[in-house]
């Protein structure tokens, strides 16, 4: 199975980098650096999936593709 796409961006309001997984609703994390945000997101992802399995919530397959890849077919 392919992995989920991760977005990483700077957020002025939080004064931190935000990383999120669009396919997993509300799965996000933040950090002082992009690397820290992604590292924290790895923890959040595992917890999100664990709770989904425990509660019977459907786990969506990785589908999100940024527009740049959709437009080029990549």
PDB file of N, CA and C in Angstrom:
ATOM      1  N   UNK A   1       0.849  -1.187   0.000  1.00  0.00           N
ATOM      2  CA  UNK A   1       0.000   0.000   0.000  1.00  0.00           C
ATOM      3  C   UNK A   1       0.886   1.238   0.000  1.00  0.00           C
ATOM      4  N   UNK A   2       0.532   2.181  -0.813  1.00  0.00           N
ATOM      5  CA  UNK A   2       1.246   3.453  -0.819  1.00  0.00           C
ATOM      6  C   UNK A   2       0.885   4.236   0.428  1.00  0.00           C
ATOM      7  N   UNK A   3       1.756   5.163   0.782  1.00  0.00           N
ATOM      8  CA  UNK A   3       1.527   5.948   1.990  1.00  0.00           C
ATOM      9  C   UNK A   3       0.694   7.184   1.674  1.00  0.00           C
ATOM     10  N   UNK A   4       0.229   7.817   2.725  1.00  0.00           N
ATOM     11  CA  UNK A   4      -0.583   9.025   2.596  1.00  0.00           C
ATOM     12  C   UNK A   4       0.271  10.237   2.256  1.00  0.00           C
ATOM     13  N   UNK A   5      -0.302  11.140   1.472  1.00  0.00           N
ATOM     14  CA  UNK A   5       0.344  12.405   1.150  1.00  0.00           C
ATOM     15  C   UNK A   5       0.364  13.290   2.403  1.00  0.00           C
ATOM     16  N   UNK A   6       1.452  14.014   2.576  1.00  0.00           N
ATOM     17  CA  UNK A   6       1.599  14.936   3.709  1.00  0.00           C
ATOM     18  C   UNK A   6       1.795  16.345   3.173  1.00  0.00           C
ATOM     19  N   UNK A   7       1.008  17.279   3.692  1.00  0.00           N
ATOM     20  CA  UNK A   7       1.208  18.703   3.415  1.00  0.00           C
ATOM     21  C   UNK A   7       1.994  19.296   4.574  1.00  0.00           C
ATOM     22  N   UNK A   8       2.943  20.172   4.271  1.00  0.00           N
ATOM     23  CA  UNK A   8       3.684  20.895   5.308  1.00  0.00           C
ATOM     24  C   UNK A   8       3.685  22.364   4.922  1.00  0.00           C
ATOM     25  N   UNK A   9       3.306  23.221   5.868  1.00  0.00           N
ATOM     26  CA  UNK A   9       3.267  24.649   5.572  1.00  0.00           C
ATOM     27  C   UNK A   9       3.485  25.450   6.847  1.00  0.00           C
ATOM     28  N   UNK A  10       3.905  26.692   6.673  1.00  0.00           N
ATOM     29  CA  UNK A  10       4.103  27.611   7.791  1.00  0.00           C
ATOM     30  C   UNK A  10       2.777  28.264   8.141  1.00  0.00           C
ATOM     31  N   UNK A  11       2.494  28.401   9.436  1.00  0.00           N
ATOM     32  CA  UNK A  11       1.274  29.047   9.887  1.00  0.00           C
ATOM     33  C   UNK A  11       1.647  30.206  10.808  1.00  0.00           C
ATOM     34  N   UNK A  12       1.395  31.431  10.352  1.00  0.00           N
ATOM     35  CA  UNK A  12       1.736  32.615  11.147  1.00  0.00           C
ATOM     36  C   UNK A  12       0.972  32.666  12.464  1.00  0.00           C
ATOM     37  N   UNK A  13      -0.288  32.248  12.441  1.00  0.00           N
ATOM     38  CA  UNK A  13      -1.109  32.307  13.647  1.00  0.00           C
ATOM     39  C   UNK A  13      -0.529  31.438  14.769  1.00  0.00           C
ATOM     40  N   UNK A  14      -0.060  30.248  14.408  1.00  0.00           N
ATOM     41  CA  UNK A  14       0.531  29.348  15.396  1.00  0.00           C
ATOM     42  C   UNK A  14       2.030  29.550  15.555  1.00  0.00           C
ATOM     43  N   UNK A  15       2.634  30.341  14.652  1.00  0.00           N
ATOM     44  CA  UNK A  15       4.075  30.577  14.654  1.00  0.00           C
ATOM     45  C   UNK A  15       4.820  29.244  14.635  1.00  0.00           C
ATOM     46  N   UNK A  16       4.361  28.349  13.739  1.00  0.00           N
ATOM     47  CA  UNK A  16       4.934  27.009  13.656  1.00  0.00           C
ATOM     48  C   UNK A  16       4.634  26.409  12.288  1.00  0.00           C
ATOM     49  N   UNK A  17       5.350  25.333  11.988  1.00  0.00           N
ATOM     50  CA  UNK A  17       5.041  24.553  10.794  1.00  0.00           C
ATOM     51  C   UNK A  17       3.928  23.574  11.122  1.00  0.00           C
ATOM     52  N   UNK A  18       3.022  23.407  10.181  1.00  0.00           N
ATOM     53  CA  UNK A  18       1.906  22.485  10.316  1.00  0.00           C
ATOM     54  C   UNK A  18       2.093  21.377   9.279  1.00  0.00           C
ATOM     55  N   UNK A  19       1.870  20.150   9.700  1.00  0.00           N
ATOM     56  CA  UNK A  19       1.876  19.011   8.780  1.00  0.00           C
ATOM     57  C   UNK A  19       0.512  18.327   8.924  1.00  0.00           C
ATOM     58  N   UNK A  20      -0.084  17.979   7.801  1.00  0.00           N
ATOM     59  CA  UNK A  20      -1.361  17.278   7.863  1.00  0.00           C
ATOM     60  C   UNK A  20      -1.458  16.225   6.780  1.00  0.00           C
ATOM     61  N   UNK A  21      -2.402  15.307   6.984  1.00  0.00           N
ATOM     62  CA  UNK A  21      -2.689  14.252   6.020  1.00  0.00           C
ATOM     63  C   UNK A  21      -4.128  14.474   5.557  1.00  0.00           C
ATOM     64  N   UNK A  22      -4.319  14.991   4.348  1.00  0.00           N
ATOM     65  CA  UNK A  22      -5.668  15.310   3.877  1.00  0.00           C
ATOM     66  C   UNK A  22      -6.638  14.132   3.885  1.00  0.00           C
ATOM     67  N   UNK A  23      -6.144  12.921   3.656  1.00  0.00           N
ATOM     68  CA  UNK A  23      -7.029  11.754   3.618  1.00  0.00           C
ATOM     69  C   UNK A  23      -7.541  11.329   4.991  1.00  0.00           C
ATOM     70  N   UNK A  24      -6.860  11.743   6.059  1.00  0.00           N
ATOM     71  CA  UNK A  24      -7.261  11.377   7.415  1.00  0.00           C
ATOM     72  C   UNK A  24      -7.786  12.625   8.111  1.00  0.00           C
ATOM     73  N   UNK A  25      -9.097  12.735   8.174  1.00  0.00           N
ATOM     74  CA  UNK A  25      -9.742  13.940   8.697  1.00  0.00           C
ATOM     75  C   UNK A  25      -9.207  14.313  10.081  1.00  0.00           C
ATOM     76  N   UNK A  26      -8.816  15.558  10.214  1.00  0.00           N
ATOM     77  CA  UNK A  26      -8.319  16.145  11.462  1.00  0.00           C
ATOM     78  C   UNK A  26      -6.983  15.565  11.924  1.00  0.00           C
ATOM     79  N   UNK A  27      -6.238  14.896  11.058  1.00  0.00           N
ATOM     80  CA  UNK A  27      -4.936  14.357  11.436  1.00  0.00           C
ATOM     81  C   UNK A  27      -3.867  15.378  11.062  1.00  0.00           C
ATOM     82  N   UNK A  28      -3.356  16.077  12.084  1.00  0.00           N
ATOM     83  CA  UNK A  28      -2.340  17.092  11.846  1.00  0.00           C
ATOM     84  C   UNK A  28      -1.454  17.229  13.075  1.00  0.00           C
ATOM     85  N   UNK A  29      -0.336  17.920  12.895  1.00  0.00           N
ATOM     86  CA  UNK A  29       0.596  18.172  13.996  1.00  0.00           C
ATOM     87  C   UNK A  29       1.395  19.414  13.646  1.00  0.00           C
ATOM     88  N   UNK A  30       2.098  19.949  14.627  1.00  0.00           N
ATOM     89  CA  UNK A  30       2.924  21.116  14.347  1.00  0.00           C
ATOM     90  C   UNK A  30       4.284  20.963  14.998  1.00  0.00           C
ATOM     91  N   UNK A  31       5.221  21.808  14.534  1.00  0.00           N
ATOM     92  CA  UNK A  31       6.568  21.795  15.087  1.00  0.00           C
ATOM     93  C   UNK A  31       7.309  23.067  14.739  1.00  0.00           C
ATOM     94  N   UNK A  32       8.442  23.263  15.379  1.00  0.00           N
ATOM     95  CA  UNK A  32       9.260  24.453  15.145  1.00  0.00           C
ATOM     96  C   UNK A  32       9.960  24.397  13.787  1.00  0.00           C
ATOM     97  N   UNK A  33      10.139  23.187  13.253  1.00  0.00           N
ATOM     98  CA  UNK A  33      10.758  22.999  11.940  1.00  0.00           C
ATOM     99  C   UNK A  33       9.849  22.074  11.123  1.00  0.00           C
ATOM    100  N   UNK A  34      10.018  22.060   9.803  1.00  0.00           N
ATOM    101  CA  UNK A  34       9.220  21.123   8.991  1.00  0.00           C
ATOM    102  C   UNK A  34       9.468  19.670   9.411  1.00  0.00           C
ATOM    103  N   UNK A  35      10.717  19.348   9.713  1.00  0.00           N
ATOM    104  CA  UNK A  35      11.050  17.982  10.109  1.00  0.00           C
ATOM    105  C   UNK A  35      10.354  17.581  11.412  1.00  0.00           C
ATOM    106  N   UNK A  36      10.316  18.504  12.360  1.00  0.00           N
ATOM    107  CA  UNK A  36       9.645  18.227  13.622  1.00  0.00           C
ATOM    108  C   UNK A  36       8.143  18.031  13.416  1.00  0.00           C
ATOM    109  N   UNK A  37       7.556  18.864  12.566  1.00  0.00           N
ATOM    110  CA  UNK A  37       6.120  18.738  12.284  1.00  0.00           C
ATOM    111  C   UNK A  37       5.811  17.379  11.660  1.00  0.00           C
ATOM    112  N   UNK A  38       6.640  16.934  10.728  1.00  0.00           N
ATOM    113  CA  UNK A  38       6.427  15.641  10.078  1.00  0.00           C
ATOM    114  C   UNK A  38       6.653  14.500  11.078  1.00  0.00           C
ATOM    115  N   UNK A  39       7.654  14.632  11.918  1.00  0.00           N
ATOM    116  CA  UNK A  39       7.911  13.610  12.943  1.00  0.00           C
ATOM    117  C   UNK A  39       6.701  13.476  13.882  1.00  0.00           C
ATOM    118  N   UNK A  40       6.177  14.608  14.329  1.00  0.00           N
ATOM    119  CA  UNK A  40       5.001  14.599  15.199  1.00  0.00           C
ATOM    120  C   UNK A  40       3.777  14.052  14.472  1.00  0.00           C
ATOM    121  N   UNK A  41       3.680  14.340  13.177  1.00  0.00           N
ATOM    122  CA  UNK A  41       2.559  13.832  12.386  1.00  0.00           C
ATOM    123  C   UNK A  41       2.613  12.307  12.285  1.00  0.00           C
ATOM    124  N   UNK A  42       3.801  11.752  12.238  1.00  0.00           N
ATOM    125  CA  UNK A  42       3.930  10.292  12.222  1.00  0.00           C
ATOM    126  C   UNK A  42       3.286   9.672  13.454  1.00  0.00           C
ATOM    127  N   UNK A  43       3.469  10.309  14.606  1.00  0.00           N
ATOM    128  CA  UNK A  43       2.858   9.849  15.851  1.00  0.00           C
ATOM    129  C   UNK A  43       1.336  10.006  15.768  1.00  0.00           C
ATOM    130  N   UNK A  44       0.898  11.171  15.299  1.00  0.00           N
ATOM    131  CA  UNK A  44      -0.542  11.432  15.181  1.00  0.00           C
ATOM    132  C   UNK A  44      -1.202  10.443  14.223  1.00  0.00           C
ATOM    133  N   UNK A  45      -0.522  10.135  13.129  1.00  0.00           N
ATOM    134  CA  UNK A  45      -1.064   9.182  12.140  1.00  0.00           C
ATOM    135  C   UNK A  45      -1.264   7.808  12.769  1.00  0.00           C
ATOM    136  N   UNK A  46      -0.262   7.322  13.480  1.00  0.00           N
ATOM    137  CA  UNK A  46      -0.376   6.007  14.104  1.00  0.00           C
ATOM    138  C   UNK A  46      -1.516   5.977  15.119  1.00  0.00           C
ATOM    139  N   UNK A  47      -1.655   7.047  15.897  1.00  0.00           N
ATOM    140  CA  UNK A  47      -2.744   7.114  16.872  1.00  0.00           C
ATOM    141  C   UNK A  47      -4.101   7.201  16.176  1.00  0.00           C
ATOM    142  N   UNK A  48      -4.181   7.985  15.094  1.00  0.00           N
ATOM    143  CA  UNK A  48      -5.425   8.110  14.331  1.00  0.00           C
ATOM    144  C   UNK A  48      -5.853   6.727  13.834  1.00  0.00           C
ATOM    145  N   UNK A  49      -4.909   5.991  13.234  1.00  0.00           N
ATOM    146  CA  UNK A  49      -5.221   4.670  12.691  1.00  0.00           C
ATOM    147  C   UNK A  49      -5.585   3.682  13.802  1.00  0.00           C
ATOM    148  N   UNK A  50      -4.890   3.757  14.922  1.00  0.00           N
ATOM    149  CA  UNK A  50      -5.188   2.875  16.050  1.00  0.00           C
ATOM    150  C   UNK A  50      -6.612   3.086  16.564  1.00  0.00           C
ATOM    151  N   UNK A  51      -6.989   4.336  16.745  1.00  0.00           N
ATOM    152  CA  UNK A  51      -8.339   4.647  17.227  1.00  0.00           C
ATOM    153  C   UNK A  51      -9.384   4.221  16.192  1.00  0.00           C
ATOM    154  N   UNK A  52      -9.097   4.450  14.921  1.00  0.00           N
ATOM    155  CA  UNK A  52     -10.046   4.032  13.872  1.00  0.00           C
ATOM    156  C   UNK A  52     -10.264   2.523  13.918  1.00  0.00           C
ATOM    157  N   UNK A  53      -9.193   1.767  14.077  1.00  0.00           N
ATOM    158  CA  UNK A  53      -9.328   0.302  14.148  1.00  0.00           C
ATOM    159  C   UNK A  53     -10.125  -0.115  15.382  1.00  0.00           C
ATOM    160  N   UNK A  54      -9.821   0.511  16.515  1.00  0.00           N
ATOM    161  CA  UNK A  54     -10.492   0.159  17.775  1.00  0.00           C
ATOM    162  C   UNK A  54     -11.985   0.482  17.754  1.00  0.00           C
ATOM    163  N   UNK A  55     -12.350   1.555  17.070  1.00  0.00           N
ATOM    164  CA  UNK A  55     -13.748   1.995  17.072  1.00  0.00           C
ATOM    165  C   UNK A  55     -14.522   1.553  15.828  1.00  0.00           C
ATOM    166  N   UNK A  56     -13.839   0.894  14.902  1.00  0.00           N
ATOM    167  CA  UNK A  56     -14.507   0.434  13.693  1.00  0.00           C
ATOM    168  C   UNK A  56     -14.716   1.521  12.656  1.00  0.00           C
ATOM    169  N   UNK A  57     -14.043   2.650  12.832  1.00  0.00           N
ATOM    170  CA  UNK A  57     -14.147   3.732  11.841  1.00  0.00           C
ATOM    171  C   UNK A  57     -13.432   3.302  10.568  1.00  0.00           C
ATOM    172  N   UNK A  58     -14.027   3.564   9.400  1.00  0.00           N
ATOM    173  CA  UNK A  58     -13.362   3.188   8.150  1.00  0.00           C
ATOM    174  C   UNK A  58     -12.045   3.946   7.970  1.00  0.00           C
ATOM    175  N   UNK A  59     -11.053   3.235   7.479  1.00  0.00           N
ATOM    176  CA  UNK A  59      -9.749   3.844   7.193  1.00  0.00           C
ATOM    177  C   UNK A  59      -9.688   4.075   5.687  1.00  0.00           C
ATOM    178  N   UNK A  60      -9.669   5.343   5.283  1.00  0.00           N
ATOM    179  CA  UNK A  60      -9.669   5.618   3.844  1.00  0.00           C
ATOM    180  C   UNK A  60      -8.337   5.251   3.198  1.00  0.00           C
ATOM    181  N   UNK A  61      -8.381   4.772   1.975  1.00  0.00           N
ATOM    182  CA  UNK A  61      -7.126   4.512   1.266  1.00  0.00           C
ATOM    183  C   UNK A  61      -6.478   5.849   0.886  1.00  0.00           C
ATOM    184  N   UNK A  62      -5.168   5.851   0.683  1.00  0.00           N
ATOM    185  CA  UNK A  62      -4.517   7.088   0.233  1.00  0.00           C
ATOM    186  C   UNK A  62      -5.048   7.482  -1.142  1.00  0.00           C
ATOM    187  N   UNK A  63      -5.638   8.664  -1.240  1.00  0.00           N
ATOM    188  CA  UNK A  63      -6.191   9.142  -2.521  1.00  0.00           C
ATOM    189  C   UNK A  63      -5.727  10.538  -2.885  1.00  0.00           C
ATOM    190  N   UNK A  64      -5.480  11.372  -1.884  1.00  0.00           N
ATOM    191  CA  UNK A  64      -5.180  12.776  -2.143  1.00  0.00           C
ATOM    192  C   UNK A  64      -3.938  12.909  -3.009  1.00  0.00           C
ATOM    193  N   UNK A  65      -4.066  13.700  -4.055  1.00  0.00           N
ATOM    194  CA  UNK A  65      -2.942  14.010  -4.938  1.00  0.00           C
ATOM    195  C   UNK A  65      -2.952  15.516  -5.171  1.00  0.00           C
ATOM    196  N   UNK A  66      -1.870  16.194  -4.841  1.00  0.00           N
ATOM    197  CA  UNK A  66      -1.830  17.639  -5.091  1.00  0.00           C
ATOM    198  C   UNK A  66      -2.091  17.933  -6.573  1.00  0.00           C
ATOM    199  N   UNK A  67      -2.647  19.078  -6.841  1.00  0.00           N
ATOM    200  CA  UNK A  67      -3.020  19.461  -8.211  1.00  0.00           C
ATOM    201  C   UNK A  67      -1.838  19.359  -9.179  1.00  0.00           C
ATOM    202  N   UNK A  68      -0.629  19.623  -8.728  1.00  0.00           N
ATOM    203  CA  UNK A  68       0.527  19.562  -9.619  1.00  0.00           C
ATOM    204  C   UNK A  68       0.699  18.153 -10.182  1.00  0.00           C
ATOM    205  N   UNK A  69       0.399  17.116  -9.381  1.00  0.00           N
ATOM    206  CA  UNK A  69       0.534  15.750  -9.857  1.00  0.00           C
ATOM    207  C   UNK A  69      -0.662  15.311 -10.689  1.00  0.00           C
ATOM    208  N   UNK A  70      -1.818  15.785 -10.348  1.00  0.00           N
ATOM    209  CA  UNK A  70      -3.028  15.456 -11.105  1.00  0.00           C
ATOM    210  C   UNK A  70      -2.905  16.028 -12.516  1.00  0.00           C
ATOM    211  N   UNK A  71      -2.421  17.274 -12.619  1.00  0.00           N
ATOM    212  CA  UNK A  71      -2.316  17.942 -13.917  1.00  0.00           C
ATOM    213  C   UNK A  71      -1.292  17.267 -14.827  1.00  0.00           C
ATOM    214  N   UNK A  72      -0.231  16.700 -14.231  1.00  0.00           N
ATOM    215  CA  UNK A  72       0.820  16.099 -15.046  1.00  0.00           C
ATOM    216  C   UNK A  72       0.669  14.601 -15.167  1.00  0.00           C
ATOM    217  N   UNK A  73      -0.289  14.036 -14.452  1.00  0.00           N
ATOM    218  CA  UNK A  73      -0.483  12.593 -14.503  1.00  0.00           C
ATOM    219  C   UNK A  73       0.533  11.823 -13.679  1.00  0.00           C
ATOM    220  N   UNK A  74       1.308  12.537 -12.816  1.00  0.00           N
ATOM    221  CA  UNK A  74       2.367  11.876 -12.024  1.00  0.00           C
ATOM    222  C   UNK A  74       1.868  11.123 -10.854  1.00  0.00           C
TER     223      UNK A  74
END
